[in-house]
């Protein structure tokens, strides 16, 4: 999205849609084990640049103005609670059954009685997220009056990521997870790094409509965007994430690579 577009608001937007002072909260998905990490702890507790990786995600949310972070825990839940016990403004909700990202976000519903908030939704295993990236995402979300705004990145090798599908005019249509993608969709290079911002009411209304008719039989958060579009809501895509910030962590080798990237960014010595 061009910077100029962020300066213009749609006159048809309601005051609620275009509200630069609406509170910001966050949902952090942190329930996974990380079965390929060669350890029995929650993935978010593995260290990157000398800290459990979830701290970097929470720091970015706070830098973008989040007043509260709801952390969805599951595997090794008590240890995640202990690790974060000294952080202000963190609440927890447990996903006792792993049924997908959409299901995970739904677990936070009881803690979010205030629907008049903008919600950042992020994965706790993405420590390369920058606070300034989330601020740009939030600014675009508010300036356009979108119900949902997501960041994207374009990778030379998009293997493993959900693909962003656009129409012939370049407009966003949907996100297709790689396990459900055909050959044409897998060839697309624009990917979903899982950085989202929603109007809370729109998010939970759409989540109630998500189905599990996909290759994994899970409830995908990514299905929410197509549901919102079909309902006439506005969905924006911000091409905001540099390829070097989109490294996912699934193996010890991935962890070492992300650790080195973050250490270089912070001016720290790279571990040998």
C-alpha atoms as a PDB file:
ATOM      1  CA  UNK A   1       0.000   0.000   0.000  1.00  0.00           C
ATOM      2  CA  UNK A   2       1.386   3.383  -0.924  1.00  0.00           C
ATOM      3  CA  UNK A   3       2.088   5.756   1.942  1.00  0.00           C
ATOM      4  CA  UNK A   4      -0.184   8.370   0.409  1.00  0.00           C
ATOM      5  CA  UNK A   5      -3.148   6.015   0.730  1.00  0.00           C
ATOM      6  CA  UNK A   6      -2.784   6.056   4.498  1.00  0.00           C
ATOM      7  CA  UNK A   7      -3.510   9.793   4.606  1.00  0.00           C
ATOM      8  CA  UNK A   8      -6.953   9.522   3.052  1.00  0.00           C
ATOM      9  CA  UNK A   9      -9.958   8.088   4.824  1.00  0.00           C
ATOM     10  CA  UNK A  10     -13.114   6.872   3.131  1.00  0.00           C
ATOM     11  CA  UNK A  11     -15.974   9.334   3.834  1.00  0.00           C
ATOM     12  CA  UNK A  12     -18.347   6.374   4.103  1.00  0.00           C
ATOM     13  CA  UNK A  13     -16.552   5.051   7.174  1.00  0.00           C
ATOM     14  CA  UNK A  14     -18.328   5.294  10.502  1.00  0.00           C
ATOM     15  CA  UNK A  15     -16.756   7.092  13.433  1.00  0.00           C
ATOM     16  CA  UNK A  16     -16.175   3.710  15.060  1.00  0.00           C
ATOM     17  CA  UNK A  17     -14.308   2.373  12.031  1.00  0.00           C
ATOM     18  CA  UNK A  18     -12.050   5.413  11.802  1.00  0.00           C
ATOM     19  CA  UNK A  19     -11.028   5.841  15.426  1.00  0.00           C
ATOM     20  CA  UNK A  20      -7.331   6.566  15.969  1.00  0.00           C
ATOM     21  CA  UNK A  21      -7.767   6.454  19.751  1.00  0.00           C
ATOM     22  CA  UNK A  22      -9.477   3.068  19.996  1.00  0.00           C
ATOM     23  CA  UNK A  23      -7.593   0.929  22.571  1.00  0.00           C
ATOM     24  CA  UNK A  24      -5.147  -1.685  21.291  1.00  0.00           C
ATOM     25  CA  UNK A  25      -4.861  -5.176  22.732  1.00  0.00           C
ATOM     26  CA  UNK A  26      -3.155  -8.318  21.469  1.00  0.00           C
ATOM     27  CA  UNK A  27      -3.684 -12.066  21.280  1.00  0.00           C
ATOM     28  CA  UNK A  28      -0.493 -14.128  21.174  1.00  0.00           C
ATOM     29  CA  UNK A  29      -0.728 -17.753  20.058  1.00  0.00           C
ATOM     30  CA  UNK A  30       1.664 -19.756  22.223  1.00  0.00           C
ATOM     31  CA  UNK A  31       0.109 -23.181  22.722  1.00  0.00           C
ATOM     32  CA  UNK A  32       2.318 -25.266  20.434  1.00  0.00           C
ATOM     33  CA  UNK A  33       4.956 -27.780  21.433  1.00  0.00           C
ATOM     34  CA  UNK A  34       7.236 -27.530  18.419  1.00  0.00           C
ATOM     35  CA  UNK A  35       7.636 -31.255  17.881  1.00  0.00           C
ATOM     36  CA  UNK A  36      10.740 -30.877  15.693  1.00  0.00           C
ATOM     37  CA  UNK A  37      12.650 -28.728  18.182  1.00  0.00           C
ATOM     38  CA  UNK A  38      14.273 -31.656  20.023  1.00  0.00           C
ATOM     39  CA  UNK A  39      12.847 -30.652  23.357  1.00  0.00           C
ATOM     40  CA  UNK A  40       9.774 -31.179  25.500  1.00  0.00           C
ATOM     41  CA  UNK A  41       8.959 -27.546  26.282  1.00  0.00           C
ATOM     42  CA  UNK A  42       6.661 -25.101  24.552  1.00  0.00           C
ATOM     43  CA  UNK A  43       8.243 -23.722  21.406  1.00  0.00           C
ATOM     44  CA  UNK A  44       7.884 -20.122  22.619  1.00  0.00           C
ATOM     45  CA  UNK A  45      10.239 -20.875  25.544  1.00  0.00           C
ATOM     46  CA  UNK A  46      13.239 -21.642  23.344  1.00  0.00           C
ATOM     47  CA  UNK A  47      15.731 -18.781  23.573  1.00  0.00           C
ATOM     48  CA  UNK A  48      16.566 -16.311  20.821  1.00  0.00           C
ATOM     49  CA  UNK A  49      19.229 -13.693  21.578  1.00  0.00           C
ATOM     50  CA  UNK A  50      19.358 -14.848  25.205  1.00  0.00           C
ATOM     51  CA  UNK A  51      15.606 -14.610  25.935  1.00  0.00           C
ATOM     52  CA  UNK A  52      12.668 -16.972  25.423  1.00  0.00           C
ATOM     53  CA  UNK A  53      11.371 -15.945  22.023  1.00  0.00           C
ATOM     54  CA  UNK A  54       7.900 -14.932  23.186  1.00  0.00           C
ATOM     55  CA  UNK A  55       9.374 -11.928  25.004  1.00  0.00           C
ATOM     56  CA  UNK A  56      10.402 -10.345  21.695  1.00  0.00           C
ATOM     57  CA  UNK A  57       6.826 -10.649  20.420  1.00  0.00           C
ATOM     58  CA  UNK A  58       5.374  -9.120  23.575  1.00  0.00           C
ATOM     59  CA  UNK A  59       7.911  -6.288  23.409  1.00  0.00           C
ATOM     60  CA  UNK A  60       6.811  -5.477  19.854  1.00  0.00           C
ATOM     61  CA  UNK A  61       3.145  -5.404  20.895  1.00  0.00           C
ATOM     62  CA  UNK A  62       3.895  -3.039  23.747  1.00  0.00           C
ATOM     63  CA  UNK A  63       5.942  -0.794  21.436  1.00  0.00           C
ATOM     64  CA  UNK A  64       2.878  -0.541  19.173  1.00  0.00           C
ATOM     65  CA  UNK A  65       0.736   0.602  22.108  1.00  0.00           C
ATOM     66  CA  UNK A  66      -0.960  -2.622  23.190  1.00  0.00           C
ATOM     67  CA  UNK A  67      -2.418  -2.103  26.666  1.00  0.00           C
ATOM     68  CA  UNK A  68      -2.882  -5.845  27.280  1.00  0.00           C
ATOM     69  CA  UNK A  69      -1.656  -9.108  25.787  1.00  0.00           C
ATOM     70  CA  UNK A  70      -3.739 -12.266  26.039  1.00  0.00           C
ATOM     71  CA  UNK A  71      -1.429 -15.260  25.672  1.00  0.00           C
ATOM     72  CA  UNK A  72      -3.052 -18.497  24.491  1.00  0.00           C
ATOM     73  CA  UNK A  73      -1.169 -21.324  26.157  1.00  0.00           C
ATOM     74  CA  UNK A  74      -1.383 -25.101  25.882  1.00  0.00           C
ATOM     75  CA  UNK A  75       1.689 -27.316  25.938  1.00  0.00           C
ATOM     76  CA  UNK A  76       3.845 -26.712  29.035  1.00  0.00           C
ATOM     77  CA  UNK A  77       1.323 -24.083  30.115  1.00  0.00           C
ATOM     78  CA  UNK A  78       2.564 -23.703  33.671  1.00  0.00           C
ATOM     79  CA  UNK A  79       6.116 -23.026  32.568  1.00  0.00           C
ATOM     80  CA  UNK A  80       4.932 -20.354  30.123  1.00  0.00           C
ATOM     81  CA  UNK A  81       2.976 -18.745  32.947  1.00  0.00           C
ATOM     82  CA  UNK A  82       6.070 -18.786  35.166  1.00  0.00           C
ATOM     83  CA  UNK A  83       8.264 -17.313  32.463  1.00  0.00           C
ATOM     84  CA  UNK A  84       5.898 -14.382  31.939  1.00  0.00           C
ATOM     85  CA  UNK A  85       4.876 -13.863  35.560  1.00  0.00           C
ATOM     86  CA  UNK A  86       6.784 -10.587  35.888  1.00  0.00           C
ATOM     87  CA  UNK A  87       5.348  -8.989  32.764  1.00  0.00           C
ATOM     88  CA  UNK A  88       2.656  -6.397  33.344  1.00  0.00           C
ATOM     89  CA  UNK A  89      -0.574  -6.520  31.355  1.00  0.00           C
ATOM     90  CA  UNK A  90      -0.338 -10.193  30.359  1.00  0.00           C
ATOM     91  CA  UNK A  91      -3.338 -12.493  30.818  1.00  0.00           C
ATOM     92  CA  UNK A  92      -3.578 -16.181  29.964  1.00  0.00           C
ATOM     93  CA  UNK A  93      -6.140 -18.488  28.454  1.00  0.00           C
ATOM     94  CA  UNK A  94      -5.590 -22.189  27.843  1.00  0.00           C
ATOM     95  CA  UNK A  95      -6.257 -24.096  24.624  1.00  0.00           C
ATOM     96  CA  UNK A  96      -6.642 -27.590  26.000  1.00  0.00           C
ATOM     97  CA  UNK A  97      -7.329 -29.159  22.609  1.00  0.00           C
ATOM     98  CA  UNK A  98      -5.249 -28.174  19.581  1.00  0.00           C
ATOM     99  CA  UNK A  99      -7.794 -27.538  16.818  1.00  0.00           C
ATOM    100  CA  UNK A 100      -6.128 -24.853  14.760  1.00  0.00           C
ATOM    101  CA  UNK A 101      -5.333 -21.145  14.875  1.00  0.00           C
ATOM    102  CA  UNK A 102      -8.942 -20.019  14.583  1.00  0.00           C
ATOM    103  CA  UNK A 103      -9.897 -22.242  17.502  1.00  0.00           C
ATOM    104  CA  UNK A 104      -6.948 -20.871  19.484  1.00  0.00           C
ATOM    105  CA  UNK A 105      -8.070 -17.266  19.001  1.00  0.00           C
ATOM    106  CA  UNK A 106     -11.618 -18.181  20.013  1.00  0.00           C
ATOM    107  CA  UNK A 107     -10.317 -19.273  23.405  1.00  0.00           C
ATOM    108  CA  UNK A 108      -9.520 -15.614  24.154  1.00  0.00           C
ATOM    109  CA  UNK A 109     -13.126 -14.543  23.559  1.00  0.00           C
ATOM    110  CA  UNK A 110     -14.201 -14.610  27.248  1.00  0.00           C
ATOM    111  CA  UNK A 111     -11.329 -12.293  28.180  1.00  0.00           C
ATOM    112  CA  UNK A 112     -12.260  -9.698  25.564  1.00  0.00           C
ATOM    113  CA  UNK A 113     -15.614  -8.377  26.697  1.00  0.00           C
ATOM    114  CA  UNK A 114     -14.720  -4.957  25.275  1.00  0.00           C
ATOM    115  CA  UNK A 115     -15.353  -5.333  21.548  1.00  0.00           C
ATOM    116  CA  UNK A 116     -14.441  -1.707  20.827  1.00  0.00           C
ATOM    117  CA  UNK A 117     -10.717  -2.431  20.552  1.00  0.00           C
ATOM    118  CA  UNK A 118      -8.224  -3.031  17.791  1.00  0.00           C
ATOM    119  CA  UNK A 119      -6.687  -6.475  18.201  1.00  0.00           C
ATOM    120  CA  UNK A 120      -3.204  -7.439  17.101  1.00  0.00           C
ATOM    121  CA  UNK A 121      -3.033 -11.207  16.584  1.00  0.00           C
ATOM    122  CA  UNK A 122       0.435 -12.747  16.358  1.00  0.00           C
ATOM    123  CA  UNK A 123       2.263 -16.027  16.805  1.00  0.00           C
ATOM    124  CA  UNK A 124       4.499 -16.289  19.837  1.00  0.00           C
ATOM    125  CA  UNK A 125       7.205 -18.040  17.821  1.00  0.00           C
ATOM    126  CA  UNK A 126       7.899 -15.051  15.544  1.00  0.00           C
ATOM    127  CA  UNK A 127      10.604 -13.131  17.451  1.00  0.00           C
ATOM    128  CA  UNK A 128      11.750 -11.120  14.416  1.00  0.00           C
ATOM    129  CA  UNK A 129       8.594  -9.011  14.488  1.00  0.00           C
ATOM    130  CA  UNK A 130       9.380  -5.297  14.876  1.00  0.00           C
ATOM    131  CA  UNK A 131       7.330  -2.842  16.874  1.00  0.00           C
ATOM    132  CA  UNK A 132       7.484  -0.367  13.993  1.00  0.00           C
ATOM    133  CA  UNK A 133       6.002  -2.959  11.642  1.00  0.00           C
ATOM    134  CA  UNK A 134       3.046  -3.444  13.968  1.00  0.00           C
ATOM    135  CA  UNK A 135       2.638   0.327  14.235  1.00  0.00           C
ATOM    136  CA  UNK A 136       2.478   0.615  10.446  1.00  0.00           C
ATOM    137  CA  UNK A 137      -0.065  -2.206  10.389  1.00  0.00           C
ATOM    138  CA  UNK A 138      -2.192  -0.485  13.021  1.00  0.00           C
ATOM    139  CA  UNK A 139      -1.944   2.907  11.276  1.00  0.00           C
ATOM    140  CA  UNK A 140      -3.063   1.415   7.958  1.00  0.00           C
ATOM    141  CA  UNK A 141      -5.886  -0.451   9.661  1.00  0.00           C
ATOM    142  CA  UNK A 142      -7.257   2.704  11.221  1.00  0.00           C
ATOM    143  CA  UNK A 143      -6.695   5.007   8.254  1.00  0.00           C
ATOM    144  CA  UNK A 144      -8.671   2.741   5.928  1.00  0.00           C
ATOM    145  CA  UNK A 145     -11.386   1.755   8.386  1.00  0.00           C
ATOM    146  CA  UNK A 146     -10.723  -1.910   7.652  1.00  0.00           C
ATOM    147  CA  UNK A 147     -12.309  -4.740   9.586  1.00  0.00           C
ATOM    148  CA  UNK A 148      -9.050  -6.641   9.185  1.00  0.00           C
ATOM    149  CA  UNK A 149      -5.557  -5.750   8.029  1.00  0.00           C
ATOM    150  CA  UNK A 150      -2.719  -8.165   7.445  1.00  0.00           C
ATOM    151  CA  UNK A 151       0.921  -7.758   6.585  1.00  0.00           C
ATOM    152  CA  UNK A 152       2.496  -9.593   3.684  1.00  0.00           C
ATOM    153  CA  UNK A 153       5.944 -10.358   2.365  1.00  0.00           C
ATOM    154  CA  UNK A 154       7.277 -11.635  -0.945  1.00  0.00           C
ATOM    155  CA  UNK A 155       9.805 -14.456  -0.788  1.00  0.00           C
ATOM    156  CA  UNK A 156      11.941 -16.078  -3.440  1.00  0.00           C
ATOM    157  CA  UNK A 157      11.263 -19.393  -1.699  1.00  0.00           C
ATOM    158  CA  UNK A 158       7.760 -19.317  -0.166  1.00  0.00           C
ATOM    159  CA  UNK A 159       7.800 -22.985   0.883  1.00  0.00           C
ATOM    160  CA  UNK A 160       5.938 -23.621   4.123  1.00  0.00           C
ATOM    161  CA  UNK A 161       3.903 -20.410   4.175  1.00  0.00           C
ATOM    162  CA  UNK A 162       0.283 -19.644   3.391  1.00  0.00           C
ATOM    163  CA  UNK A 163      -0.057 -17.826   0.069  1.00  0.00           C
ATOM    164  CA  UNK A 164      -1.923 -14.596  -0.534  1.00  0.00           C
ATOM    165  CA  UNK A 165      -4.231 -14.892  -3.537  1.00  0.00           C
ATOM    166  CA  UNK A 166      -5.274 -11.782  -5.446  1.00  0.00           C
ATOM    167  CA  UNK A 167      -7.675 -11.248  -8.347  1.00  0.00           C
ATOM    168  CA  UNK A 168      -6.715  -9.997 -11.826  1.00  0.00           C
ATOM    169  CA  UNK A 169      -6.933  -6.408 -10.581  1.00  0.00           C
ATOM    170  CA  UNK A 170      -4.516  -7.112  -7.745  1.00  0.00           C
ATOM    171  CA  UNK A 171      -7.135  -7.061  -5.011  1.00  0.00           C
ATOM    172  CA  UNK A 172      -6.798  -9.425  -2.066  1.00  0.00           C
ATOM    173  CA  UNK A 173      -9.095 -12.461  -2.265  1.00  0.00           C
ATOM    174  CA  UNK A 174      -8.015 -14.991   0.351  1.00  0.00           C
ATOM    175  CA  UNK A 175      -5.180 -16.830   2.077  1.00  0.00           C
ATOM    176  CA  UNK A 176      -4.568 -20.449   1.122  1.00  0.00           C
ATOM    177  CA  UNK A 177      -2.520 -22.623   3.441  1.00  0.00           C
ATOM    178  CA  UNK A 178       0.186 -24.572   1.647  1.00  0.00           C
ATOM    179  CA  UNK A 179      -1.349 -27.932   2.588  1.00  0.00           C
ATOM    180  CA  UNK A 180      -4.542 -26.907   0.742  1.00  0.00           C
ATOM    181  CA  UNK A 181      -2.875 -25.173  -2.227  1.00  0.00           C
ATOM    182  CA  UNK A 182      -2.769 -26.416  -5.788  1.00  0.00           C
ATOM    183  CA  UNK A 183       0.317 -26.043  -7.979  1.00  0.00           C
ATOM    184  CA  UNK A 184      -0.671 -22.591  -9.260  1.00  0.00           C
ATOM    185  CA  UNK A 185      -1.175 -21.193  -5.758  1.00  0.00           C
ATOM    186  CA  UNK A 186       2.049 -22.744  -4.485  1.00  0.00           C
ATOM    187  CA  UNK A 187       3.889 -20.874  -7.229  1.00  0.00           C
ATOM    188  CA  UNK A 188       2.823 -17.533  -5.745  1.00  0.00           C
ATOM    189  CA  UNK A 189       5.533 -15.652  -3.883  1.00  0.00           C
ATOM    190  CA  UNK A 190       3.448 -13.320  -1.721  1.00  0.00           C
ATOM    191  CA  UNK A 191       3.076 -14.981   1.651  1.00  0.00           C
ATOM    192  CA  UNK A 192       1.323 -14.547   4.964  1.00  0.00           C
ATOM    193  CA  UNK A 193       3.765 -14.003   7.871  1.00  0.00           C
ATOM    194  CA  UNK A 194       0.857 -14.057  10.375  1.00  0.00           C
ATOM    195  CA  UNK A 195       0.846 -10.403  11.456  1.00  0.00           C
ATOM    196  CA  UNK A 196      -2.790  -9.323  11.794  1.00  0.00           C
ATOM    197  CA  UNK A 197      -4.915  -6.458  13.096  1.00  0.00           C
ATOM    198  CA  UNK A 198      -8.701  -6.721  13.516  1.00  0.00           C
ATOM    199  CA  UNK A 199     -11.632  -4.788  14.846  1.00  0.00           C
ATOM    200  CA  UNK A 200     -12.478  -7.141  17.689  1.00  0.00           C
ATOM    201  CA  UNK A 201     -16.203  -7.357  16.980  1.00  0.00           C
ATOM    202  CA  UNK A 202     -15.625  -8.197  13.316  1.00  0.00           C
ATOM    203  CA  UNK A 203     -13.047 -10.850  14.188  1.00  0.00           C
ATOM    204  CA  UNK A 204     -15.208 -12.824  16.602  1.00  0.00           C
ATOM    205  CA  UNK A 205     -18.300 -12.574  14.401  1.00  0.00           C
ATOM    206  CA  UNK A 206     -16.318 -14.077  11.516  1.00  0.00           C
ATOM    207  CA  UNK A 207     -14.657 -16.742  13.660  1.00  0.00           C
ATOM    208  CA  UNK A 208     -18.101 -18.135  14.472  1.00  0.00           C
ATOM    209  CA  UNK A 209     -18.466 -18.963  10.761  1.00  0.00           C
ATOM    210  CA  UNK A 210     -15.109 -20.710  10.223  1.00  0.00           C
ATOM    211  CA  UNK A 211     -15.360 -24.360   9.146  1.00  0.00           C
ATOM    212  CA  UNK A 212     -12.781 -27.150   9.398  1.00  0.00           C
ATOM    213  CA  UNK A 213     -13.176 -28.492   5.856  1.00  0.00           C
ATOM    214  CA  UNK A 214      -9.496 -28.419   4.941  1.00  0.00           C
ATOM    215  CA  UNK A 215      -6.609 -30.863   4.618  1.00  0.00           C
ATOM    216  CA  UNK A 216      -5.810 -30.748   8.335  1.00  0.00           C
ATOM    217  CA  UNK A 217      -9.387 -30.687   9.634  1.00  0.00           C
ATOM    218  CA  UNK A 218      -8.573 -27.548  11.636  1.00  0.00           C
ATOM    219  CA  UNK A 219     -10.221 -24.180  12.170  1.00  0.00           C
ATOM    220  CA  UNK A 220      -7.963 -21.699  10.394  1.00  0.00           C
ATOM    221  CA  UNK A 221      -7.777 -18.086  11.471  1.00  0.00           C
ATOM    222  CA  UNK A 222      -6.804 -17.275   7.890  1.00  0.00           C
ATOM    223  CA  UNK A 223     -10.321 -18.189   6.685  1.00  0.00           C
ATOM    224  CA  UNK A 224     -11.648 -15.129   8.517  1.00  0.00           C
ATOM    225  CA  UNK A 225     -10.451 -12.749   5.799  1.00  0.00           C
ATOM    226  CA  UNK A 226     -12.512 -14.290   2.999  1.00  0.00           C
ATOM    227  CA  UNK A 227     -15.533 -14.455   5.329  1.00  0.00           C
ATOM    228  CA  UNK A 228     -15.215 -10.743   6.068  1.00  0.00           C
ATOM    229  CA  UNK A 229     -14.906  -9.879   2.379  1.00  0.00           C
ATOM    230  CA  UNK A 230     -18.006 -11.947   1.577  1.00  0.00           C
ATOM    231  CA  UNK A 231     -19.882  -9.980   4.248  1.00  0.00           C
ATOM    232  CA  UNK A 232     -18.946  -6.700   2.568  1.00  0.00           C
ATOM    233  CA  UNK A 233     -16.286  -5.760   5.092  1.00  0.00           C
ATOM    234  CA  UNK A 234     -13.007  -4.133   4.142  1.00  0.00           C
ATOM    235  CA  UNK A 235      -9.777  -6.140   4.290  1.00  0.00           C
ATOM    236  CA  UNK A 236      -6.430  -4.450   3.682  1.00  0.00           C
ATOM    237  CA  UNK A 237      -3.013  -5.916   2.923  1.00  0.00           C
ATOM    238  CA  UNK A 238       0.118  -4.003   3.872  1.00  0.00           C
ATOM    239  CA  UNK A 239       3.271  -5.138   2.109  1.00  0.00           C
ATOM    240  CA  UNK A 240       5.327  -4.393   5.175  1.00  0.00           C
ATOM    241  CA  UNK A 241       7.596  -7.282   6.099  1.00  0.00           C
ATOM    242  CA  UNK A 242      11.126  -7.593   4.761  1.00  0.00           C
ATOM    243  CA  UNK A 243      12.065 -11.143   3.695  1.00  0.00           C
ATOM    244  CA  UNK A 244      14.765 -11.362   6.376  1.00  0.00           C
ATOM    245  CA  UNK A 245      12.108 -10.762   9.050  1.00  0.00           C
ATOM    246  CA  UNK A 246       9.945 -13.716   7.955  1.00  0.00           C
ATOM    247  CA  UNK A 247      12.056 -16.623   9.135  1.00  0.00           C
ATOM    248  CA  UNK A 248       9.885 -19.210  10.860  1.00  0.00           C
ATOM    249  CA  UNK A 249      11.163 -21.538  13.587  1.00  0.00           C
ATOM    250  CA  UNK A 250      10.384 -25.228  13.253  1.00  0.00           C
ATOM    251  CA  UNK A 251      13.756 -26.912  13.821  1.00  0.00           C
ATOM    252  CA  UNK A 252      16.948 -26.277  15.826  1.00  0.00           C
ATOM    253  CA  UNK A 253      18.595 -25.109  12.584  1.00  0.00           C
ATOM    254  CA  UNK A 254      15.818 -22.532  12.095  1.00  0.00           C
ATOM    255  CA  UNK A 255      16.282 -21.414  15.689  1.00  0.00           C
ATOM    256  CA  UNK A 256      20.008 -20.861  15.165  1.00  0.00           C
ATOM    257  CA  UNK A 257      19.377 -18.857  12.006  1.00  0.00           C
ATOM    258  CA  UNK A 258      16.779 -16.599  13.652  1.00  0.00           C
ATOM    259  CA  UNK A 259      19.047 -16.178  16.677  1.00  0.00           C
ATOM    260  CA  UNK A 260      21.867 -14.977  14.414  1.00  0.00           C
ATOM    261  CA  UNK A 261      19.590 -12.531  12.575  1.00  0.00           C
ATOM    262  CA  UNK A 262      18.320 -10.979  15.785  1.00  0.00           C
ATOM    263  CA  UNK A 263      21.765 -10.785  17.327  1.00  0.00           C
ATOM    264  CA  UNK A 264      23.092  -8.942  14.281  1.00  0.00           C
ATOM    265  CA  UNK A 265      20.124  -6.571  14.389  1.00  0.00           C
ATOM    266  CA  UNK A 266      20.811  -5.809  18.071  1.00  0.00           C
ATOM    267  CA  UNK A 267      24.568  -5.555  17.677  1.00  0.00           C
ATOM    268  CA  UNK A 268      25.170  -8.640  19.800  1.00  0.00           C
ATOM    269  CA  UNK A 269      27.843 -11.242  19.265  1.00  0.00           C
ATOM    270  CA  UNK A 270      26.575 -14.124  17.137  1.00  0.00           C
ATOM    271  CA  UNK A 271      26.689 -17.475  18.920  1.00  0.00           C
ATOM    272  CA  UNK A 272      29.097 -20.023  17.494  1.00  0.00           C
END
